[in-house]
Amino acid sequence: MSLPSNFEDLISEAEGLNLYKKLIVQLNKDVLYANIDLEFDEETLPTSLRFVLQETVFNLINSKFSDYLNLLYIVDVSEAKIKSLDGSDTLKLSEEVTFMILQREWQKVWYKAKYS
């Protein structure tokens, strides 16, 4: 499996394989496990998904850092990838982390669909 390199590719691949709704279900499940008050409807548009998730990540970084770390742990985002990011611009950091979260969730959904 090669991971999509940007948000648009990720969404088009998910929609092309009819797995977009499963991506949202998986994201909702992990966000709930991380005890974050956020839930997406299965009909959420991709642009809204990205915007709301990025806004949530931004707020977690700025005001609830331990919850942010917990979310990364629950989603299982690579620690090495997170450490490689430049944290000087919180907005850019939240954008990159949001994509990494979606990328990891996509990986989970894709593997479940392929091997179950």
C-alpha atoms as a PDB file:
ATOM      1  CA  MET A   1       0.000   0.000   0.000  1.00  0.00           C
ATOM      2  CA  SER A   2       1.337   3.420  -0.905  1.00  0.00           C
ATOM      3  CA  LEU A   3      -0.067   6.191   1.243  1.00  0.00           C
ATOM      4  CA  PRO A   4      -1.679   9.193  -0.445  1.00  0.00           C
ATOM      5  CA  SER A   5       0.620  12.212  -0.453  1.00  0.00           C
ATOM      6  CA  ASN A   6      -2.070  14.862   0.020  1.00  0.00           C
ATOM      7  CA  PHE A   7      -5.610  15.316   1.285  1.00  0.00           C
ATOM      8  CA  GLU A   8      -7.228  15.368  -2.162  1.00  0.00           C
ATOM      9  CA  ASP A   9      -5.590  12.063  -3.172  1.00  0.00           C
ATOM     10  CA  LEU A  10      -6.621  10.470   0.106  1.00  0.00           C
ATOM     11  CA  ILE A  11     -10.251  11.502  -0.307  1.00  0.00           C
ATOM     12  CA  SER A  12     -10.449  10.530  -3.981  1.00  0.00           C
ATOM     13  CA  GLU A  13      -8.967   7.103  -3.204  1.00  0.00           C
ATOM     14  CA  ALA A  14     -11.371   6.595  -0.283  1.00  0.00           C
ATOM     15  CA  GLU A  15     -14.362   7.643  -2.367  1.00  0.00           C
ATOM     16  CA  GLY A  16     -13.164   5.581  -5.334  1.00  0.00           C
ATOM     17  CA  LEU A  17     -13.123   2.454  -3.172  1.00  0.00           C
ATOM     18  CA  ASN A  18     -16.390   3.404  -1.430  1.00  0.00           C
ATOM     19  CA  LEU A  19     -14.577   3.605   1.910  1.00  0.00           C
ATOM     20  CA  TYR A  20     -15.094   7.277   2.769  1.00  0.00           C
ATOM     21  CA  LYS A  21     -17.903   6.540   5.237  1.00  0.00           C
ATOM     22  CA  LYS A  22     -15.777   3.849   6.872  1.00  0.00           C
ATOM     23  CA  LEU A  23     -12.974   6.392   7.198  1.00  0.00           C
ATOM     24  CA  ILE A  24     -15.327   8.688   9.104  1.00  0.00           C
ATOM     25  CA  VAL A  25     -16.542   5.802  11.302  1.00  0.00           C
ATOM     26  CA  GLN A  26     -12.943   4.872  12.150  1.00  0.00           C
ATOM     27  CA  LEU A  27     -12.056   8.490  12.888  1.00  0.00           C
ATOM     28  CA  ASN A  28     -15.116   8.861  15.124  1.00  0.00           C
ATOM     29  CA  LYS A  29     -14.201   5.675  16.980  1.00  0.00           C
ATOM     30  CA  ASP A  30     -10.636   6.802  17.703  1.00  0.00           C
ATOM     31  CA  VAL A  31     -11.682  10.346  18.640  1.00  0.00           C
ATOM     32  CA  LEU A  32     -14.197   8.867  21.082  1.00  0.00           C
ATOM     33  CA  TYR A  33     -11.505   6.586  22.584  1.00  0.00           C
ATOM     34  CA  ALA A  34      -9.312   9.670  23.024  1.00  0.00           C
ATOM     35  CA  ASN A  35     -12.176  11.266  24.981  1.00  0.00           C
ATOM     36  CA  ILE A  36     -12.477  14.246  22.649  1.00  0.00           C
ATOM     37  CA  ASP A  37     -15.902  15.785  22.177  1.00  0.00           C
ATOM     38  CA  LEU A  38     -16.129  15.570  18.399  1.00  0.00           C
ATOM     39  CA  GLU A  39     -18.229  13.419  16.118  1.00  0.00           C
ATOM     40  CA  PHE A  40     -18.611  13.558  12.363  1.00  0.00           C
ATOM     41  CA  ASP A  41     -21.761  12.571  10.521  1.00  0.00           C
ATOM     42  CA  GLU A  42     -21.132   9.949   7.832  1.00  0.00           C
ATOM     43  CA  GLU A  43     -22.390  12.448   5.253  1.00  0.00           C
ATOM     44  CA  THR A  44     -19.817  15.096   6.232  1.00  0.00           C
ATOM     45  CA  LEU A  45     -18.181  16.681   3.206  1.00  0.00           C
ATOM     46  CA  PRO A  46     -14.420  16.128   2.924  1.00  0.00           C
ATOM     47  CA  THR A  47     -13.671  19.861   3.143  1.00  0.00           C
ATOM     48  CA  SER A  48     -15.729  20.160   6.323  1.00  0.00           C
ATOM     49  CA  LEU A  49     -14.046  17.068   7.743  1.00  0.00           C
ATOM     50  CA  ARG A  50     -10.607  18.544   7.193  1.00  0.00           C
ATOM     51  CA  PHE A  51     -11.565  22.008   8.479  1.00  0.00           C
ATOM     52  CA  VAL A  52     -13.254  20.820  11.694  1.00  0.00           C
ATOM     53  CA  LEU A  53     -10.582  18.233  12.448  1.00  0.00           C
ATOM     54  CA  GLN A  54      -7.802  20.766  11.871  1.00  0.00           C
ATOM     55  CA  GLU A  55      -9.554  23.309  14.089  1.00  0.00           C
ATOM     56  CA  THR A  56      -9.885  20.665  16.808  1.00  0.00           C
ATOM     57  CA  VAL A  57      -6.216  19.670  16.529  1.00  0.00           C
ATOM     58  CA  PHE A  58      -5.204  23.346  16.652  1.00  0.00           C
ATOM     59  CA  ASN A  59      -7.240  23.890  19.827  1.00  0.00           C
ATOM     60  CA  LEU A  60      -5.854  20.729  21.419  1.00  0.00           C
ATOM     61  CA  ILE A  61      -2.269  21.802  20.703  1.00  0.00           C
ATOM     62  CA  ASN A  62      -2.888  25.228  22.210  1.00  0.00           C
ATOM     63  CA  SER A  63      -5.038  24.420  25.226  1.00  0.00           C
ATOM     64  CA  LYS A  64      -5.165  20.678  25.928  1.00  0.00           C
ATOM     65  CA  PHE A  65      -1.767  19.341  24.947  1.00  0.00           C
ATOM     66  CA  SER A  66      -2.083  16.089  26.909  1.00  0.00           C
ATOM     67  CA  ASP A  67      -5.367  15.348  25.079  1.00  0.00           C
ATOM     68  CA  TYR A  68      -3.590  16.087  21.805  1.00  0.00           C
ATOM     69  CA  LEU A  69      -0.850  13.588  22.662  1.00  0.00           C
ATOM     70  CA  ASN A  70      -3.463  11.050  23.716  1.00  0.00           C
ATOM     71  CA  LEU A  71      -5.245  11.443  20.359  1.00  0.00           C
ATOM     72  CA  LEU A  72      -1.991  10.860  18.484  1.00  0.00           C
ATOM     73  CA  TYR A  73      -1.386   7.756  20.583  1.00  0.00           C
ATOM     74  CA  ILE A  74      -4.909   6.370  20.043  1.00  0.00           C
ATOM     75  CA  VAL A  75      -4.789   7.018  16.292  1.00  0.00           C
ATOM     76  CA  ASP A  76      -1.245   5.595  16.253  1.00  0.00           C
ATOM     77  CA  VAL A  77       0.460   8.394  14.353  1.00  0.00           C
ATOM     78  CA  SER A  78       4.187   7.773  14.016  1.00  0.00           C
ATOM     79  CA  GLU A  79       6.151   9.561  16.729  1.00  0.00           C
ATOM     80  CA  ALA A  80       9.094   9.968  14.355  1.00  0.00           C
ATOM     81  CA  LYS A  81       6.882  11.740  11.811  1.00  0.00           C
ATOM     82  CA  ILE A  82       5.509  14.079  14.481  1.00  0.00           C
ATOM     83  CA  LYS A  83       9.004  14.883  15.756  1.00  0.00           C
ATOM     84  CA  SER A  84      10.143  15.716  12.225  1.00  0.00           C
ATOM     85  CA  LEU A  85       7.568  18.526  11.931  1.00  0.00           C
ATOM     86  CA  ASP A  86       8.395  22.175  12.537  1.00  0.00           C
ATOM     87  CA  GLY A  87       6.398  23.279  15.565  1.00  0.00           C
ATOM     88  CA  SER A  88       7.111  27.002  15.277  1.00  0.00           C
ATOM     89  CA  ASP A  89       3.874  27.703  13.372  1.00  0.00           C
ATOM     90  CA  THR A  90       0.980  26.083  15.237  1.00  0.00           C
ATOM     91  CA  LEU A  91      -1.465  26.573  12.373  1.00  0.00           C
ATOM     92  CA  LYS A  92       0.818  24.818   9.871  1.00  0.00           C
ATOM     93  CA  LEU A  93       1.582  22.128  12.450  1.00  0.00           C
ATOM     94  CA  SER A  94      -2.138  21.474  12.994  1.00  0.00           C
ATOM     95  CA  GLU A  95      -2.628  21.196   9.226  1.00  0.00           C
ATOM     96  CA  GLU A  96       0.183  18.645   8.878  1.00  0.00           C
ATOM     97  CA  VAL A  97      -0.916  16.644  11.925  1.00  0.00           C
ATOM     98  CA  THR A  98      -4.517  16.590  10.665  1.00  0.00           C
ATOM     99  CA  PHE A  99      -3.335  15.047   7.411  1.00  0.00           C
ATOM    100  CA  MET A 100      -1.215  12.494   9.299  1.00  0.00           C
ATOM    101  CA  ILE A 101      -4.232  11.527  11.406  1.00  0.00           C
ATOM    102  CA  LEU A 102      -6.396  11.091   8.316  1.00  0.00           C
ATOM    103  CA  GLN A 103      -3.609   9.216   6.560  1.00  0.00           C
ATOM    104  CA  ARG A 104      -3.271   6.764   9.467  1.00  0.00           C
ATOM    105  CA  GLU A 105      -7.033   6.308   9.723  1.00  0.00           C
ATOM    106  CA  TRP A 106      -7.135   5.647   5.975  1.00  0.00           C
ATOM    107  CA  GLN A 107      -4.433   3.015   6.394  1.00  0.00           C
ATOM    108  CA  LYS A 108      -6.530   1.220   9.037  1.00  0.00           C
ATOM    109  CA  VAL A 109      -9.684   1.324   6.901  1.00  0.00           C
ATOM    110  CA  TRP A 110      -7.875   0.189   3.754  1.00  0.00           C
ATOM    111  CA  TYR A 111      -6.258  -2.799   5.479  1.00  0.00           C
ATOM    112  CA  LYS A 112      -9.558  -3.837   7.094  1.00  0.00           C
ATOM    113  CA  ALA A 113     -11.317  -3.672   3.733  1.00  0.00           C
ATOM    114  CA  LYS A 114      -8.578  -5.550   1.917  1.00  0.00           C
ATOM    115  CA  TYR A 115      -7.969  -8.354   4.407  1.00  0.00           C
ATOM    116  CA  SER A 116     -11.361  -9.044   5.942  1.00  0.00           C
END
